[in-house]
C-alpha atoms as a PDB file:
ATOM      1  CA  MET A   1      35.001   8.343  -4.188  1.00  0.00           C
ATOM      2  CA  SER A   2      34.687   4.571  -4.511  1.00  0.00           C
ATOM      3  CA  THR A   3      37.614   2.308  -5.144  1.00  0.00           C
ATOM      4  CA  ALA A   4      37.963  -0.302  -7.859  1.00  0.00           C
ATOM      5  CA  ALA A   5      36.898  -2.911  -5.299  1.00  0.00           C
ATOM      6  CA  ASP A   6      33.580  -1.051  -4.875  1.00  0.00           C
ATOM      7  CA  HIS A   7      32.845  -1.199  -8.616  1.00  0.00           C
ATOM      8  CA  PRO A   8      31.008  -4.560  -8.726  1.00  0.00           C
ATOM      9  CA  ASP A   9      28.858  -3.571  -5.736  1.00  0.00           C
ATOM     10  CA  ARG A  10      28.007  -0.198  -7.299  1.00  0.00           C
ATOM     11  CA  THR A  11      27.159  -1.876 -10.590  1.00  0.00           C
ATOM     12  CA  ALA A  12      24.941  -4.413  -8.817  1.00  0.00           C
ATOM     13  CA  LEU A  13      23.208  -1.618  -6.906  1.00  0.00           C
ATOM     14  CA  ALA A  14      22.543   0.359 -10.083  1.00  0.00           C
ATOM     15  CA  GLU A  15      21.319  -2.750 -11.899  1.00  0.00           C
ATOM     16  CA  SER A  16      19.016  -3.716  -9.040  1.00  0.00           C
ATOM     17  CA  LYS A  17      17.527  -0.209  -9.082  1.00  0.00           C
ATOM     18  CA  ALA A  18      16.901  -0.516 -12.810  1.00  0.00           C
ATOM     19  CA  HIS A  19      15.299  -3.947 -12.454  1.00  0.00           C
ATOM     20  CA  ALA A  20      13.047  -2.569  -9.717  1.00  0.00           C
ATOM     21  CA  GLY A  21      11.902   0.221 -12.039  1.00  0.00           C
ATOM     22  CA  ASP A  22      13.830   2.969 -10.225  1.00  0.00           C
ATOM     23  CA  PHE A  23      15.324   4.350 -13.415  1.00  0.00           C
ATOM     24  CA  ARG A  24      16.108   7.724 -11.885  1.00  0.00           C
ATOM     25  CA  GLY A  25      18.156   6.039  -9.136  1.00  0.00           C
ATOM     26  CA  ALA A  26      19.843   3.673 -11.605  1.00  0.00           C
ATOM     27  CA  ILE A  27      20.753   6.535 -13.938  1.00  0.00           C
ATOM     28  CA  SER A  28      22.190   8.495 -11.032  1.00  0.00           C
ATOM     29  CA  GLU A  29      24.248   5.485  -9.885  1.00  0.00           C
ATOM     30  CA  PHE A  30      25.566   4.732 -13.374  1.00  0.00           C
ATOM     31  CA  ARG A  31      26.442   8.396 -13.999  1.00  0.00           C
ATOM     32  CA  ALA A  32      28.386   8.481 -10.736  1.00  0.00           C
ATOM     33  CA  LEU A  33      30.062   5.186 -11.605  1.00  0.00           C
ATOM     34  CA  VAL A  34      31.086   6.441 -15.055  1.00  0.00           C
ATOM     35  CA  LYS A  35      32.534   9.599 -13.514  1.00  0.00           C
ATOM     36  CA  GLU A  36      34.436   7.655 -10.852  1.00  0.00           C
ATOM     37  CA  ARG A  37      35.735   5.008 -13.277  1.00  0.00           C
ATOM     38  CA  THR A  38      36.862   7.685 -15.726  1.00  0.00           C
ATOM     39  CA  ALA A  39      38.722   9.563 -12.978  1.00  0.00           C
ATOM     40  CA  ALA A  40      40.289   6.383 -11.559  1.00  0.00           C
ATOM     41  CA  ALA A  41      41.178   4.427 -14.690  1.00  0.00           C
ATOM     42  CA  GLY A  42      40.535   6.631 -17.700  1.00  0.00           C
ATOM     43  CA  ALA A  43      37.931   6.844 -20.415  1.00  0.00           C
ATOM     44  CA  ASP A  44      39.322   3.854 -22.342  1.00  0.00           C
ATOM     45  CA  ASP A  45      39.260   1.454 -19.374  1.00  0.00           C
ATOM     46  CA  LEU A  46      37.087  -1.608 -20.036  1.00  0.00           C
ATOM     47  CA  GLN A  47      35.080  -1.091 -16.836  1.00  0.00           C
ATOM     48  CA  THR A  48      34.514   2.548 -17.752  1.00  0.00           C
ATOM     49  CA  LEU A  49      33.263   1.540 -21.196  1.00  0.00           C
ATOM     50  CA  SER A  50      31.036  -1.092 -19.593  1.00  0.00           C
ATOM     51  CA  ALA A  51      29.572   1.449 -17.158  1.00  0.00           C
ATOM     52  CA  ARG A  52      28.865   3.806 -20.056  1.00  0.00           C
ATOM     53  CA  LEU A  53      27.057   1.017 -21.907  1.00  0.00           C
ATOM     54  CA  ASN A  54      24.998   0.261 -18.822  1.00  0.00           C
ATOM     55  CA  LEU A  55      24.099   3.937 -18.499  1.00  0.00           C
ATOM     56  CA  ALA A  56      22.951   4.051 -22.131  1.00  0.00           C
ATOM     57  CA  ARG A  57      20.852   0.915 -21.623  1.00  0.00           C
ATOM     58  CA  VAL A  58      19.121   2.354 -18.548  1.00  0.00           C
ATOM     59  CA  LEU A  59      18.487   5.689 -20.262  1.00  0.00           C
ATOM     60  CA  GLY A  60      16.825   3.743 -23.069  1.00  0.00           C
ATOM     61  CA  ALA A  61      14.785   1.652 -20.632  1.00  0.00           C
ATOM     62  CA  ALA A  62      13.656   4.916 -19.019  1.00  0.00           C
ATOM     63  CA  ARG A  63      12.519   6.043 -22.483  1.00  0.00           C
ATOM     64  CA  GLN A  64      14.962   8.952 -22.445  1.00  0.00           C
ATOM     65  CA  PHE A  65      15.826   8.215 -26.051  1.00  0.00           C
ATOM     66  CA  SER A  66      17.668  11.408 -26.974  1.00  0.00           C
ATOM     67  CA  LYS A  67      19.862  11.135 -23.872  1.00  0.00           C
ATOM     68  CA  ALA A  68      20.456   7.431 -24.537  1.00  0.00           C
ATOM     69  CA  ILE A  69      21.418   8.137 -28.145  1.00  0.00           C
ATOM     70  CA  GLY A  70      23.665  10.953 -26.897  1.00  0.00           C
ATOM     71  CA  ALA A  71      25.375   8.449 -24.589  1.00  0.00           C
ATOM     72  CA  CYS A  72      25.638   5.731 -27.259  1.00  0.00           C
ATOM     73  CA  GLU A  73      27.175   7.720 -30.090  1.00  0.00           C
ATOM     74  CA  PRO A  74      30.446   8.728 -28.357  1.00  0.00           C
ATOM     75  CA  LEU A  75      30.567   5.356 -26.586  1.00  0.00           C
ATOM     76  CA  LEU A  76      30.380   3.554 -29.911  1.00  0.00           C
ATOM     77  CA  ARG A  77      33.194   5.685 -31.360  1.00  0.00           C
ATOM     78  CA  ASP A  78      35.346   4.898 -28.320  1.00  0.00           C
ATOM     79  CA  GLN A  79      34.519   1.182 -28.435  1.00  0.00           C
ATOM     80  CA  VAL A  80      35.415   0.941 -32.123  1.00  0.00           C
ATOM     81  CA  ARG A  81      38.716   2.697 -31.413  1.00  0.00           C
ATOM     82  CA  VAL A  82      39.582   0.722 -28.240  1.00  0.00           C
ATOM     83  CA  LEU A  83      37.918  -2.661 -28.738  1.00  0.00           C
ATOM     84  CA  GLY A  84      37.455  -2.864 -32.500  1.00  0.00           C
ATOM     85  CA  PRO A  85      34.308  -2.936 -34.637  1.00  0.00           C
ATOM     86  CA  GLN A  86      33.623  -6.656 -34.137  1.00  0.00           C
ATOM     87  CA  HIS A  87      33.954  -6.816 -30.331  1.00  0.00           C
ATOM     88  CA  ASP A  88      30.814  -8.118 -28.584  1.00  0.00           C
ATOM     89  CA  ASP A  89      30.353  -4.878 -26.609  1.00  0.00           C
ATOM     90  CA  THR A  90      30.747  -2.777 -29.759  1.00  0.00           C
ATOM     91  CA  LEU A  91      28.183  -4.921 -31.560  1.00  0.00           C
ATOM     92  CA  GLU A  92      25.812  -4.664 -28.601  1.00  0.00           C
ATOM     93  CA  THR A  93      26.121  -0.873 -28.521  1.00  0.00           C
ATOM     94  CA  ARG A  94      25.495  -0.657 -32.262  1.00  0.00           C
ATOM     95  CA  GLN A  95      22.346  -2.816 -31.850  1.00  0.00           C
ATOM     96  CA  LEU A  96      21.232  -0.671 -28.910  1.00  0.00           C
ATOM     97  CA  LEU A  97      21.770   2.512 -30.916  1.00  0.00           C
ATOM     98  CA  ALA A  98      19.682   1.118 -33.788  1.00  0.00           C
ATOM     99  CA  ASN A  99      16.900   0.191 -31.363  1.00  0.00           C
ATOM    100  CA  LEU A 100      17.004   3.619 -29.726  1.00  0.00           C
ATOM    101  CA  ARG A 101      16.845   5.365 -33.084  1.00  0.00           C
ATOM    102  CA  TYR A 102      13.815   3.258 -34.040  1.00  0.00           C
ATOM    103  CA  GLN A 103      12.066   3.901 -30.713  1.00  0.00           C
ATOM    104  CA  SER A 104      12.662   7.623 -31.102  1.00  0.00           C
ATOM    105  CA  GLY A 105      10.938   7.561 -34.496  1.00  0.00           C
ATOM    106  CA  ASP A 106      14.050   7.519 -36.704  1.00  0.00           C
ATOM    107  CA  ALA A 107      13.476   4.380 -38.807  1.00  0.00           C
ATOM    108  CA  GLU A 108      15.945   5.548 -41.466  1.00  0.00           C
ATOM    109  CA  GLY A 109      18.697   6.104 -38.891  1.00  0.00           C
ATOM    110  CA  ALA A 110      17.921   2.715 -37.329  1.00  0.00           C
ATOM    111  CA  ALA A 111      18.244   1.022 -40.735  1.00  0.00           C
ATOM    112  CA  GLU A 112      21.585   2.757 -41.360  1.00  0.00           C
ATOM    113  CA  GLU A 113      22.880   1.606 -37.971  1.00  0.00           C
ATOM    114  CA  LEU A 114      21.701  -1.948 -38.643  1.00  0.00           C
ATOM    115  CA  GLU A 115      23.532  -1.898 -41.976  1.00  0.00           C
ATOM    116  CA  ARG A 116      26.738  -1.029 -40.111  1.00  0.00           C
ATOM    117  CA  LEU A 117      25.957  -3.806 -37.620  1.00  0.00           C
ATOM    118  CA  LEU A 118      25.436  -6.251 -40.499  1.00  0.00           C
ATOM    119  CA  ALA A 119      28.799  -5.292 -41.991  1.00  0.00           C
ATOM    120  CA  ALA A 120      30.547  -5.934 -38.666  1.00  0.00           C
ATOM    121  CA  LEU A 121      28.675  -9.200 -38.062  1.00  0.00           C
ATOM    122  CA  SER A 122      29.599 -10.396 -41.557  1.00  0.00           C
ATOM    123  CA  HIS A 123      33.242 -10.462 -40.445  1.00  0.00           C
ATOM    124  CA  VAL A 124      32.583 -12.778 -37.500  1.00  0.00           C
ATOM    125  CA  LEU A 125      29.539 -14.898 -38.423  1.00  0.00           C
ATOM    126  CA  MET A 126      28.609 -17.160 -41.307  1.00  0.00           C
ATOM    127  CA  PRO A 127      26.233 -15.564 -43.844  1.00  0.00           C
ATOM    128  CA  THR A 128      23.503 -18.027 -42.861  1.00  0.00           C
ATOM    129  CA  HIS A 129      23.763 -17.321 -39.119  1.00  0.00           C
ATOM    130  CA  ASP A 130      20.403 -16.571 -37.490  1.00  0.00           C
ATOM    131  CA  ARG A 131      21.568 -13.175 -36.224  1.00  0.00           C
ATOM    132  CA  ILE A 132      22.590 -12.067 -39.715  1.00  0.00           C
ATOM    133  CA  THR A 133      19.269 -13.280 -41.110  1.00  0.00           C
ATOM    134  CA  LYS A 134      17.382 -11.344 -38.426  1.00  0.00           C
ATOM    135  CA  VAL A 135      19.352  -8.136 -38.988  1.00  0.00           C
ATOM    136  CA  LYS A 136      18.708  -8.373 -42.747  1.00  0.00           C
ATOM    137  CA  ARG A 137      14.994  -8.873 -42.072  1.00  0.00           C
ATOM    138  CA  ASP A 138      14.954  -5.891 -39.686  1.00  0.00           C
ATOM    139  CA  ILE A 139      16.696  -3.679 -42.249  1.00  0.00           C
ATOM    140  CA  ALA A 140      14.137  -4.632 -44.902  1.00  0.00           C
ATOM    141  CA  PHE A 141      11.295  -3.865 -42.484  1.00  0.00           C
ATOM    142  CA  LEU A 142      12.741  -0.479 -41.561  1.00  0.00           C
ATOM    143  CA  LYS A 143      13.302   0.496 -45.182  1.00  0.00           C
ATOM    144  CA  ARG A 144       9.689  -0.344 -45.995  1.00  0.00           C
ATOM    145  CA  SER A 145       8.410   1.714 -43.057  1.00  0.00           C
ATOM    146  CA  SER A 146      10.555   4.814 -43.560  1.00  0.00           C
END
């Protein structure tokens, strides 16, 4: 089992595998990292949550949408509970989940997730912020296409 000092090296290794297109290797590394971080520091540890987010990202990049969604949903619940609904990582996971739902053919589910993202963003950004404008535009697009 790796130690906490090994964590950045393991993360870098998994990320480099993903960037090289070795999604199977990256997924394997991130799964091992999540398991090790959970055993060492617990499920609510920030590095554990980060590793879980990285795993969900790589699953999505590998076009394993149902597995990526299955990784995102419990991660998002944990992030909201531990970090809060407006934390950058929580917002990123919510955006990722919306994208994954859209890519898997669930435009309605993607729109619902973006509406929750918009609600969270509205607490931290001005109503005229570019990100809010883009999310509103994406919601309108998804509602037209579903």
